[in-house]
Full PDB file with SEQRES, HELIX, SHEET, SSBOND, CRYST1, ORIGX, SCALE, CONECT and MASTER records, all heavy atoms in Angstrom:
SEQRES   1 A   37  LEU GLN GLY ARG ILE LEU LEU THR ASN ASP ALA GLY ASP          
SEQRES   2 A   37  TYR LEU TRP LEU GLU PRO GLU ASP PHE GLY ASP PHE ILE          
SEQRES   3 A   37  ALA GLY SER LEU ALA GLN GLU SER PRO ILE HIS                  
HELIX    1 AA1 PRO A   19  ALA A   27  1                                   9    
SHEET    1 AA1 2 ILE A   5  THR A   8  0                                        
SHEET    2 AA1 2 TYR A  14  LEU A  17 -1                                        
CRYST1    1.000    1.000    1.000  90.00  90.00  90.00 P 1           1          
ORIGX1      1.000000  0.000000  0.000000        0.00000                         
ORIGX2      0.000000  1.000000  0.000000        0.00000                         
ORIGX3      0.000000  0.000000  1.000000        0.00000                         
SCALE1      1.000000  0.000000  0.000000        0.00000                         
SCALE2      0.000000  1.000000  0.000000        0.00000                         
SCALE3      0.000000  0.000000  1.000000        0.00000                         
ATOM      1  N   LEU A   1     111.300  87.628 105.771  1.00  0.00           N  
ATOM      2  CA  LEU A   1     112.206  87.403 104.631  1.00  0.00           C  
ATOM      3  C   LEU A   1     113.609  87.233 105.127  1.00  0.00           C  
ATOM      4  O   LEU A   1     114.168  88.122 105.778  1.00  0.00           O  
ATOM      5  CB  LEU A   1     112.159  88.571 103.637  1.00  0.00           C  
ATOM      6  CG  LEU A   1     110.844  88.814 102.943  1.00  0.00           C  
ATOM      7  CD1 LEU A   1     110.883  90.167 102.209  1.00  0.00           C  
ATOM      8  CD2 LEU A   1     110.510  87.697 101.981  1.00  0.00           C  
ATOM      9  N   GLN A   2     114.203  86.076 104.876  1.00  0.00           N  
ATOM     10  CA  GLN A   2     115.580  85.765 105.236  1.00  0.00           C  
ATOM     11  C   GLN A   2     115.873  86.064 106.705  1.00  0.00           C  
ATOM     12  O   GLN A   2     116.884  86.643 107.070  1.00  0.00           O  
ATOM     13  CB  GLN A   2     116.539  86.572 104.350  1.00  0.00           C  
ATOM     14  CG  GLN A   2     116.362  86.173 102.894  1.00  0.00           C  
ATOM     15  CD  GLN A   2     117.277  86.982 101.973  1.00  0.00           C  
ATOM     16  OE1 GLN A   2     117.951  87.917 102.398  1.00  0.00           O  
ATOM     17  NE2 GLN A   2     117.308  86.609 100.720  1.00  0.00           N  
ATOM     18  N   GLY A   3     114.961  85.664 107.572  1.00  0.00           N  
ATOM     19  CA  GLY A   3     115.165  85.761 109.015  1.00  0.00           C  
ATOM     20  C   GLY A   3     114.900  87.139 109.605  1.00  0.00           C  
ATOM     21  O   GLY A   3     115.074  87.334 110.803  1.00  0.00           O  
ATOM     22  N   ARG A   4     114.468  88.104 108.800  1.00  0.00           N  
ATOM     23  CA  ARG A   4     114.126  89.415 109.307  1.00  0.00           C  
ATOM     24  C   ARG A   4     112.675  89.732 108.929  1.00  0.00           C  
ATOM     25  O   ARG A   4     112.108  89.042 108.079  1.00  0.00           O  
ATOM     26  CB  ARG A   4     115.049  90.489 108.710  1.00  0.00           C  
ATOM     27  CG  ARG A   4     116.498  90.246 109.163  1.00  0.00           C  
ATOM     28  CD  ARG A   4     117.418  91.279 108.599  1.00  0.00           C  
ATOM     29  NE  ARG A   4     117.188  92.558 109.310  1.00  0.00           N  
ATOM     30  CZ  ARG A   4     117.503  93.747 108.757  1.00  0.00           C  
ATOM     31  NH1 ARG A   4     118.049  93.818 107.599  1.00  0.00           N  
ATOM     32  NH2 ARG A   4     117.292  94.854 109.445  1.00  0.00           N  
ATOM     33  N   ILE A   5     112.103  90.747 109.518  1.00  0.00           N  
ATOM     34  CA  ILE A   5     110.708  91.111 109.288  1.00  0.00           C  
ATOM     35  C   ILE A   5     110.672  92.425 108.547  1.00  0.00           C  
ATOM     36  O   ILE A   5     111.239  93.422 108.991  1.00  0.00           O  
ATOM     37  CB  ILE A   5     109.927  91.244 110.615  1.00  0.00           C  
ATOM     38  CG1 ILE A   5     110.088  90.019 111.482  1.00  0.00           C  
ATOM     39  CG2 ILE A   5     108.468  91.532 110.327  1.00  0.00           C  
ATOM     40  CD1 ILE A   5     109.588  88.739 110.873  1.00  0.00           C  
ATOM     41  N   LEU A   6     109.947  92.429 107.406  1.00  0.00           N  
ATOM     42  CA  LEU A   6     109.745  93.662 106.644  1.00  0.00           C  
ATOM     43  C   LEU A   6     108.354  94.185 106.973  1.00  0.00           C  
ATOM     44  O   LEU A   6     107.359  93.466 106.802  1.00  0.00           O  
ATOM     45  CB  LEU A   6     109.825  93.388 105.134  1.00  0.00           C  
ATOM     46  CG  LEU A   6     109.485  94.544 104.241  1.00  0.00           C  
ATOM     47  CD1 LEU A   6     110.438  95.722 104.421  1.00  0.00           C  
ATOM     48  CD2 LEU A   6     109.456  94.104 102.781  1.00  0.00           C  
ATOM     49  N   LEU A   7     108.266  95.403 107.466  1.00  0.00           N  
ATOM     50  CA  LEU A   7     106.986  96.076 107.738  1.00  0.00           C  
ATOM     51  C   LEU A   7     106.764  97.106 106.626  1.00  0.00           C  
ATOM     52  O   LEU A   7     107.677  97.831 106.280  1.00  0.00           O  
ATOM     53  CB  LEU A   7     107.007  96.835 109.060  1.00  0.00           C  
ATOM     54  CG  LEU A   7     107.253  96.028 110.341  1.00  0.00           C  
ATOM     55  CD1 LEU A   7     107.285  96.979 111.526  1.00  0.00           C  
ATOM     56  CD2 LEU A   7     106.171  95.021 110.539  1.00  0.00           C  
ATOM     57  N   THR A   8     105.544  97.194 106.136  1.00  0.00           N  
ATOM     58  CA  THR A   8     105.179  98.225 105.183  1.00  0.00           C  
ATOM     59  C   THR A   8     103.828  98.817 105.593  1.00  0.00           C  
ATOM     60  O   THR A   8     103.047  98.140 106.275  1.00  0.00           O  
ATOM     61  CB  THR A   8     105.069  97.679 103.720  1.00  0.00           C  
ATOM     62  OG1 THR A   8     104.074  96.693 103.674  1.00  0.00           O  
ATOM     63  CG2 THR A   8     106.391  97.123 103.261  1.00  0.00           C  
ATOM     64  N   ASN A   9     103.546 100.033 105.162  1.00  0.00           N  
ATOM     65  CA  ASN A   9     102.265 100.644 105.431  1.00  0.00           C  
ATOM     66  C   ASN A   9     101.743 101.377 104.198  1.00  0.00           C  
ATOM     67  O   ASN A   9     102.441 101.471 103.171  1.00  0.00           O  
ATOM     68  CB  ASN A   9     102.296 101.557 106.657  1.00  0.00           C  
ATOM     69  CG  ASN A   9     103.236 102.738 106.512  1.00  0.00           C  
ATOM     70  OD1 ASN A   9     103.580 103.145 105.394  1.00  0.00           O  
ATOM     71  ND2 ASN A   9     103.659 103.311 107.610  1.00  0.00           N  
ATOM     72  N   ASP A  10     100.512 101.888 104.289  1.00  0.00           N  
ATOM     73  CA  ASP A  10      99.882 102.541 103.154  1.00  0.00           C  
ATOM     74  C   ASP A  10     100.518 103.857 102.786  1.00  0.00           C  
ATOM     75  O   ASP A  10     100.275 104.366 101.697  1.00  0.00           O  
ATOM     76  CB  ASP A  10      98.397 102.743 103.408  1.00  0.00           C  
ATOM     77  CG  ASP A  10      97.619 101.435 103.432  1.00  0.00           C  
ATOM     78  OD1 ASP A  10      98.108 100.474 102.792  1.00  0.00           O  
ATOM     79  OD2 ASP A  10      96.533 101.384 104.056  1.00  0.00           O  
ATOM     80  N   ALA A  11     101.283 104.447 103.658  1.00  0.00           N  
ATOM     81  CA  ALA A  11     101.964 105.714 103.376  1.00  0.00           C  
ATOM     82  C   ALA A  11     103.202 105.498 102.543  1.00  0.00           C  
ATOM     83  O   ALA A  11     103.841 106.446 102.081  1.00  0.00           O  
ATOM     84  CB  ALA A  11     102.334 106.424 104.677  1.00  0.00           C  
ATOM     85  N   GLY A  12     103.597 104.239 102.302  1.00  0.00           N  
ATOM     86  CA  GLY A  12     104.775 103.942 101.543  1.00  0.00           C  
ATOM     87  C   GLY A  12     106.042 103.776 102.370  1.00  0.00           C  
ATOM     88  O   GLY A  12     107.110 103.619 101.841  1.00  0.00           O  
ATOM     89  N   ASP A  13     105.879 103.820 103.692  1.00  0.00           N  
ATOM     90  CA  ASP A  13     107.031 103.658 104.571  1.00  0.00           C  
ATOM     91  C   ASP A  13     107.318 102.160 104.753  1.00  0.00           C  
ATOM     92  O   ASP A  13     106.405 101.347 104.681  1.00  0.00           O  
ATOM     93  CB  ASP A  13     106.749 104.266 105.938  1.00  0.00           C  
ATOM     94  CG  ASP A  13     106.547 105.774 105.850  1.00  0.00           C  
ATOM     95  OD1 ASP A  13     107.362 106.440 105.207  1.00  0.00           O  
ATOM     96  OD2 ASP A  13     105.566 106.264 106.407  1.00  0.00           O  
ATOM     97  N   TYR A  14     108.561 101.850 105.013  1.00  0.00           N  
ATOM     98  CA  TYR A  14     108.929 100.449 105.326  1.00  0.00           C  
ATOM     99  C   TYR A  14     110.034 100.442 106.381  1.00  0.00           C  
ATOM    100  O   TYR A  14     110.714 101.432 106.553  1.00  0.00           O  
ATOM    101  CB  TYR A  14     109.371  99.717 104.054  1.00  0.00           C  
ATOM    102  CG  TYR A  14     110.712 100.154 103.513  1.00  0.00           C  
ATOM    103  CD1 TYR A  14     111.872  99.520 103.858  1.00  0.00           C  
ATOM    104  CD2 TYR A  14     110.779 101.248 102.654  1.00  0.00           C  
ATOM    105  CE1 TYR A  14     113.114  99.941 103.354  1.00  0.00           C  
ATOM    106  CE2 TYR A  14     111.983 101.667 102.138  1.00  0.00           C  
ATOM    107  CZ  TYR A  14     113.154 101.018 102.509  1.00  0.00           C  
ATOM    108  OH  TYR A  14     114.364 101.448 102.045  1.00  0.00           O  
ATOM    109  N   LEU A  15     110.161  99.303 107.018  1.00  0.00           N  
ATOM    110  CA  LEU A  15     111.206  99.145 108.041  1.00  0.00           C  
ATOM    111  C   LEU A  15     111.499  97.675 108.225  1.00  0.00           C  
ATOM    112  O   LEU A  15     110.597  96.840 108.194  1.00  0.00           O  
ATOM    113  CB  LEU A  15     110.667  99.754 109.372  1.00  0.00           C  
ATOM    114  CG  LEU A  15     111.631  99.795 110.552  1.00  0.00           C  
ATOM    115  CD1 LEU A  15     112.801 100.690 110.251  1.00  0.00           C  
ATOM    116  CD2 LEU A  15     110.898 100.301 111.782  1.00  0.00           C  
ATOM    117  N   TRP A  16     112.773  97.351 108.355  1.00  0.00           N  
ATOM    118  CA  TRP A  16     113.221  95.989 108.634  1.00  0.00           C  
ATOM    119  C   TRP A  16     113.423  95.857 110.144  1.00  0.00           C  
ATOM    120  O   TRP A  16     114.073  96.708 110.766  1.00  0.00           O  
ATOM    121  CB  TRP A  16     114.531  95.689 107.933  1.00  0.00           C  
ATOM    122  CG  TRP A  16     114.407  95.542 106.440  1.00  0.00           C  
ATOM    123  CD1 TRP A  16     114.598  96.504 105.505  1.00  0.00           C  
ATOM    124  CD2 TRP A  16     114.064  94.359 105.742  1.00  0.00           C  
ATOM    125  NE1 TRP A  16     114.386  95.998 104.271  1.00  0.00           N  
ATOM    126  CE2 TRP A  16     114.067  94.688 104.371  1.00  0.00           C  
ATOM    127  CE3 TRP A  16     113.736  93.054 106.144  1.00  0.00           C  
ATOM    128  CZ2 TRP A  16     113.744  93.745 103.398  1.00  0.00           C  
ATOM    129  CZ3 TRP A  16     113.442  92.148 105.170  1.00  0.00           C  
ATOM    130  CH2 TRP A  16     113.448  92.484 103.809  1.00  0.00           C  
ATOM    131  N   LEU A  17     112.882  94.775 110.740  1.00  0.00           N  
ATOM    132  CA  LEU A  17     113.079  94.515 112.167  1.00  0.00           C  
ATOM    133  C   LEU A  17     113.570  93.126 112.368  1.00  0.00           C  
ATOM    134  O   LEU A  17     113.314  92.210 111.580  1.00  0.00           O  
ATOM    135  CB  LEU A  17     111.727  94.690 112.903  1.00  0.00           C  
ATOM    136  CG  LEU A  17     111.116  96.055 113.007  1.00  0.00           C  
ATOM    137  CD1 LEU A  17     109.780  95.955 113.723  1.00  0.00           C  
ATOM    138  CD2 LEU A  17     112.063  97.015 113.727  1.00  0.00           C  
ATOM    139  N   GLU A  18     114.269  92.940 113.480  1.00  0.00           N  
ATOM    140  CA  GLU A  18     114.653  91.602 113.901  1.00  0.00           C  
ATOM    141  C   GLU A  18     113.396  90.946 114.509  1.00  0.00           C  
ATOM    142  O   GLU A  18     112.518  91.664 115.033  1.00  0.00           O  
ATOM    143  CB  GLU A  18     115.757  91.669 114.959  1.00  0.00           C  
ATOM    144  CG  GLU A  18     117.082  92.224 114.445  1.00  0.00           C  
ATOM    145  CD  GLU A  18     117.639  91.404 113.286  1.00  0.00           C  
ATOM    146  OE1 GLU A  18     117.512  90.154 113.301  1.00  0.00           O  
ATOM    147  OE2 GLU A  18     118.197  92.016 112.360  1.00  0.00           O  
ATOM    148  N   PRO A  19     113.272  89.623 114.432  1.00  0.00           N  
ATOM    149  CA  PRO A  19     112.056  88.969 114.944  1.00  0.00           C  
ATOM    150  C   PRO A  19     111.742  89.284 116.411  1.00  0.00           C  
ATOM    151  O   PRO A  19     110.575  89.459 116.761  1.00  0.00           O  
ATOM    152  CB  PRO A  19     112.378  87.472 114.773  1.00  0.00           C  
ATOM    153  CG  PRO A  19     113.361  87.422 113.651  1.00  0.00           C  
ATOM    154  CD  PRO A  19     114.161  88.685 113.770  1.00  0.00           C  
ATOM    155  N   GLU A  20     112.775  89.395 117.240  1.00  0.00           N  
ATOM    156  CA  GLU A  20     112.533  89.720 118.674  1.00  0.00           C  
ATOM    157  C   GLU A  20     111.932  91.121 118.815  1.00  0.00           C  
ATOM    158  O   GLU A  20     111.010  91.314 119.605  1.00  0.00           O  
ATOM    159  CB  GLU A  20     113.838  89.619 119.479  1.00  0.00           C  
ATOM    160  CG  GLU A  20     114.503  88.281 119.447  1.00  0.00           C  
ATOM    161  CD  GLU A  20     115.328  88.033 118.175  1.00  0.00           C  
ATOM    162  OE1 GLU A  20     115.790  89.009 117.547  1.00  0.00           O  
ATOM    163  OE2 GLU A  20     115.461  86.864 117.809  1.00  0.00           O  
ATOM    164  N   ASP A  21     112.469  92.071 118.058  1.00  0.00           N  
ATOM    165  CA  ASP A  21     111.949  93.438 118.131  1.00  0.00           C  
ATOM    166  C   ASP A  21     110.530  93.508 117.580  1.00  0.00           C  
ATOM    167  O   ASP A  21     109.677  94.233 118.100  1.00  0.00           O  
ATOM    168  CB  ASP A  21     112.853  94.409 117.343  1.00  0.00           C  
ATOM    169  CG  ASP A  21     114.229  94.540 117.953  1.00  0.00           C  
ATOM    170  OD1 ASP A  21     114.339  94.433 119.202  1.00  0.00           O  
ATOM    171  OD2 ASP A  21     115.179  94.744 117.192  1.00  0.00           O  
ATOM    172  N   PHE A  22     110.273  92.749 116.541  1.00  0.00           N  
ATOM    173  CA  PHE A  22     108.924  92.716 115.981  1.00  0.00           C  
ATOM    174  C   PHE A  22     107.918  92.143 116.970  1.00  0.00           C  
ATOM    175  O   PHE A  22     106.821  92.679 117.138  1.00  0.00           O  
ATOM    176  CB  PHE A  22     108.897  91.885 114.683  1.00  0.00           C  
ATOM    177  CG  PHE A  22     107.562  91.817 114.013  1.00  0.00           C  
ATOM    178  CD1 PHE A  22     106.927  92.973 113.566  1.00  0.00           C  
ATOM    179  CD2 PHE A  22     106.927  90.607 113.883  1.00  0.00           C  
ATOM    180  CE1 PHE A  22     105.673  92.891 112.960  1.00  0.00           C  
ATOM    181  CE2 PHE A  22     105.700  90.502 113.269  1.00  0.00           C  
ATOM    182  CZ  PHE A  22     105.074  91.668 112.816  1.00  0.00           C  
ATOM    183  N   GLY A  23     108.315  91.071 117.659  1.00  0.00           N  
ATOM    184  CA  GLY A  23     107.434  90.482 118.684  1.00  0.00           C  
ATOM    185  C   GLY A  23     107.168  91.464 119.803  1.00  0.00           C  
ATOM    186  O   GLY A  23     106.005  91.600 120.257  1.00  0.00           O  
ATOM    187  N   ASP A  24     108.201  92.206 120.274  1.00  0.00           N  
ATOM    188  CA  ASP A  24     107.975  93.227 121.268  1.00  0.00           C  
ATOM    189  C   ASP A  24     107.079  94.356 120.769  1.00  0.00           C  
ATOM    190  O   ASP A  24     106.233  94.843 121.512  1.00  0.00           O  
ATOM    191  CB  ASP A  24     109.318  93.817 121.723  1.00  0.00           C  
ATOM    192  CG  ASP A  24     110.196  92.827 122.463  1.00  0.00           C  
ATOM    193  OD1 ASP A  24     109.646  91.802 122.948  1.00  0.00           O  
ATOM    194  OD2 ASP A  24     111.422  93.084 122.600  1.00  0.00           O  
ATOM    195  N   PHE A  25     107.249  94.738 119.517  1.00  0.00           N  
ATOM    196  CA  PHE A  25     106.432  95.783 118.915  1.00  0.00           C  
ATOM    197  C   PHE A  25     104.960  95.377 118.882  1.00  0.00           C  
ATOM    198  O   PHE A  25     104.091  96.134 119.291  1.00  0.00           O  
ATOM    199  CB  PHE A  25     106.953  96.085 117.494  1.00  0.00           C  
ATOM    200  CG  PHE A  25     106.052  96.931 116.659  1.00  0.00           C  
ATOM    201  CD1 PHE A  25     105.695  98.194 117.028  1.00  0.00           C  
ATOM    202  CD2 PHE A  25     105.572  96.434 115.455  1.00  0.00           C  
ATOM    203  CE1 PHE A  25     104.890  98.990 116.248  1.00  0.00           C  
ATOM    204  CE2 PHE A  25     104.736  97.231 114.650  1.00  0.00           C  
ATOM    205  CZ  PHE A  25     104.398  98.483 115.036  1.00  0.00           C  
ATOM    206  N   ILE A  26     104.666  94.164 118.442  1.00  0.00           N  
ATOM    207  CA  ILE A  26     103.297  93.662 118.376  1.00  0.00           C  
ATOM    208  C   ILE A  26     102.706  93.533 119.756  1.00  0.00           C  
ATOM    209  O   ILE A  26     101.526  93.889 119.983  1.00  0.00           O  
ATOM    210  CB  ILE A  26     103.255  92.296 117.654  1.00  0.00           C  
ATOM    211  CG1 ILE A  26     103.685  92.448 116.208  1.00  0.00           C  
ATOM    212  CG2 ILE A  26     101.899  91.667 117.751  1.00  0.00           C  
ATOM    213  CD1 ILE A  26     102.768  93.315 115.369  1.00  0.00           C  
ATOM    214  N   ALA A  27     103.486  93.039 120.700  1.00  0.00           N  
ATOM    215  CA  ALA A  27     102.992  92.832 122.059  1.00  0.00           C  
ATOM    216  C   ALA A  27     102.842  94.133 122.861  1.00  0.00           C  
ATOM    217  O   ALA A  27     102.225  94.168 123.914  1.00  0.00           O  
ATOM    218  CB  ALA A  27     103.916  91.885 122.805  1.00  0.00           C  
ATOM    219  N   GLY A  28     103.418  95.235 122.317  1.00  0.00           N  
ATOM    220  CA  GLY A  28     103.337  96.516 123.007  1.00  0.00           C  
ATOM    221  C   GLY A  28     104.376  96.621 124.117  1.00  0.00           C  
ATOM    222  O   GLY A  28     104.253  97.503 124.971  1.00  0.00           O  
ATOM    223  N   SER A  29     105.407  95.795 124.091  1.00  0.00           N  
ATOM    224  CA  SER A  29     106.388  95.823 125.169  1.00  0.00           C  
ATOM    225  C   SER A  29     107.706  96.430 124.703  1.00  0.00           C  
ATOM    226  O   SER A  29     108.698  96.323 125.423  1.00  0.00           O  
ATOM    227  CB  SER A  29     106.623  94.407 125.711  1.00  0.00           C  
ATOM    228  OG  SER A  29     107.081  93.560 124.673  1.00  0.00           O  
ATOM    229  N   LEU A  30     107.749  97.063 123.547  1.00  0.00           N  
ATOM    230  CA  LEU A  30     108.963  97.721 123.074  1.00  0.00           C  
ATOM    231  C   LEU A  30     109.163  99.019 123.874  1.00  0.00           C  
ATOM    232  O   LEU A  30     108.249  99.825 123.971  1.00  0.00           O  
ATOM    233  CB  LEU A  30     108.804  98.022 121.574  1.00  0.00           C  
ATOM    234  CG  LEU A  30     110.050  98.473 120.825  1.00  0.00           C  
ATOM    235  CD1 LEU A  30     111.100  97.382 120.816  1.00  0.00           C  
ATOM    236  CD2 LEU A  30     109.679  98.844 119.398  1.00  0.00           C  
ATOM    237  N   ALA A  31     110.347  99.194 124.401  1.00  0.00           N  
ATOM    238  CA  ALA A  31     110.621 100.366 125.260  1.00  0.00           C  
ATOM    239  C   ALA A  31     110.494 101.644 124.436  1.00  0.00           C  
ATOM    240  O   ALA A  31     111.015 101.738 123.340  1.00  0.00           O  
ATOM    241  CB  ALA A  31     112.025 100.274 125.844  1.00  0.00           C  
ATOM    242  N   GLN A  32     109.767 102.635 124.972  1.00  0.00           N  
ATOM    243  CA  GLN A  32     109.552 103.896 124.253  1.00  0.00           C  
ATOM    244  C   GLN A  32     110.848 104.696 124.098  1.00  0.00           C  
ATOM    245  O   GLN A  32     110.932 105.540 123.204  1.00  0.00           O  
ATOM    246  CB  GLN A  32     108.511 104.737 124.967  1.00  0.00           C  
ATOM    247  CG  GLN A  32     107.143 104.158 124.861  1.00  0.00           C  
ATOM    248  CD  GLN A  32     106.084 105.100 125.407  1.00  0.00           C  
ATOM    249  OE1 GLN A  32     106.364 106.232 125.773  1.00  0.00           O  
ATOM    250  NE2 GLN A  32     104.844 104.629 125.402  1.00  0.00           N  
ATOM    251  N   GLU A  33     111.845 104.396 124.886  1.00  0.00           N  
ATOM    252  CA  GLU A  33     113.140 105.079 124.767  1.00  0.00           C  
ATOM    253  C   GLU A  33     114.022 104.489 123.705  1.00  0.00           C  
ATOM    254  O   GLU A  33     115.070 105.062 123.368  1.00  0.00           O  
ATOM    255  CB  GLU A  33     113.900 105.071 126.100  1.00  0.00           C  
ATOM    256  CG  GLU A  33     113.107 105.598 127.299  1.00  0.00           C  
ATOM    257  CD  GLU A  33     112.189 104.533 127.896  1.00  0.00           C  
ATOM    258  OE1 GLU A  33     112.549 103.337 127.873  1.00  0.00           O  
ATOM    259  OE2 GLU A  33     111.122 104.918 128.353  1.00  0.00           O  
ATOM    260  N   SER A  34     113.659 103.332 123.182  1.00  0.00           N  
ATOM    261  CA  SER A  34     114.542 102.646 122.238  1.00  0.00           C  
ATOM    262  C   SER A  34     114.541 103.346 120.878  1.00  0.00           C  
ATOM    263  O   SER A  34     113.541 103.933 120.472  1.00  0.00           O  
ATOM    264  CB  SER A  34     114.125 101.183 122.072  1.00  0.00           C  
ATOM    265  OG  SER A  34     112.937 101.141 121.297  1.00  0.00           O  
ATOM    266  N   PRO A  35     115.672 103.259 120.159  1.00  0.00           N  
ATOM    267  CA  PRO A  35     115.743 103.883 118.834  1.00  0.00           C  
ATOM    268  C   PRO A  35     114.778 103.212 117.868  1.00  0.00           C  
ATOM    269  O   PRO A  35     114.284 103.868 116.949  1.00  0.00           O  
ATOM    270  CB  PRO A  35     117.173 103.664 118.406  1.00  0.00           C  
ATOM    271  CG  PRO A  35     117.860 102.918 119.456  1.00  0.00           C  
ATOM    272  CD  PRO A  35     116.940 102.715 120.620  1.00  0.00           C  
ATOM    273  N   ILE A  36     114.462 101.950 118.053  1.00  0.00           N  
ATOM    274  CA  ILE A  36     113.533 101.245 117.192  1.00  0.00           C  
ATOM    275  C   ILE A  36     112.136 101.814 117.333  1.00  0.00           C  
ATOM    276  O   ILE A  36     111.417 102.025 116.357  1.00  0.00           O  
ATOM    277  CB  ILE A  36     113.540  99.732 117.468  1.00  0.00           C  
ATOM    278  CG1 ILE A  36     114.903  99.163 117.118  1.00  0.00           C  
ATOM    279  CG2 ILE A  36     112.434  99.019 116.690  1.00  0.00           C  
ATOM    280  CD1 ILE A  36     115.133  97.760 117.577  1.00  0.00           C  
ATOM    281  N   HIS A  37     111.723 102.086 118.583  1.00  0.00           N  
ATOM    282  CA  HIS A  37     110.419 102.689 118.840  1.00  0.00           C  
ATOM    283  C   HIS A  37     110.336 104.072 118.155  1.00  0.00           C  
ATOM    284  O   HIS A  37     109.338 104.403 117.524  1.00  0.00           O  
ATOM    285  CB  HIS A  37     110.180 102.840 120.327  1.00  0.00           C  
ATOM    286  CG  HIS A  37     108.798 103.332 120.674  1.00  0.00           C  
ATOM    287  ND1 HIS A  37     108.486 104.673 120.682  1.00  0.00           N  
ATOM    288  CD2 HIS A  37     107.667 102.674 120.994  1.00  0.00           C  
ATOM    289  CE1 HIS A  37     107.229 104.819 120.991  1.00  0.00           C  
ATOM    290  NE2 HIS A  37     106.700 103.599 121.152  1.00  0.00           N  
TER     291      HIS A  37                                                      
MASTER        0    0    0    1    2    0    0    6  290    1    0    3          
END                                                                             
């Protein structure tokens, strides 16, 4: 949505991510030390 990614889950949580961060998250390459992780 509007150049950002909205994630939602069944628990009712949501989070907005930048496309690059979302790609890293899906690929499993997001650094575990990062605040996004």
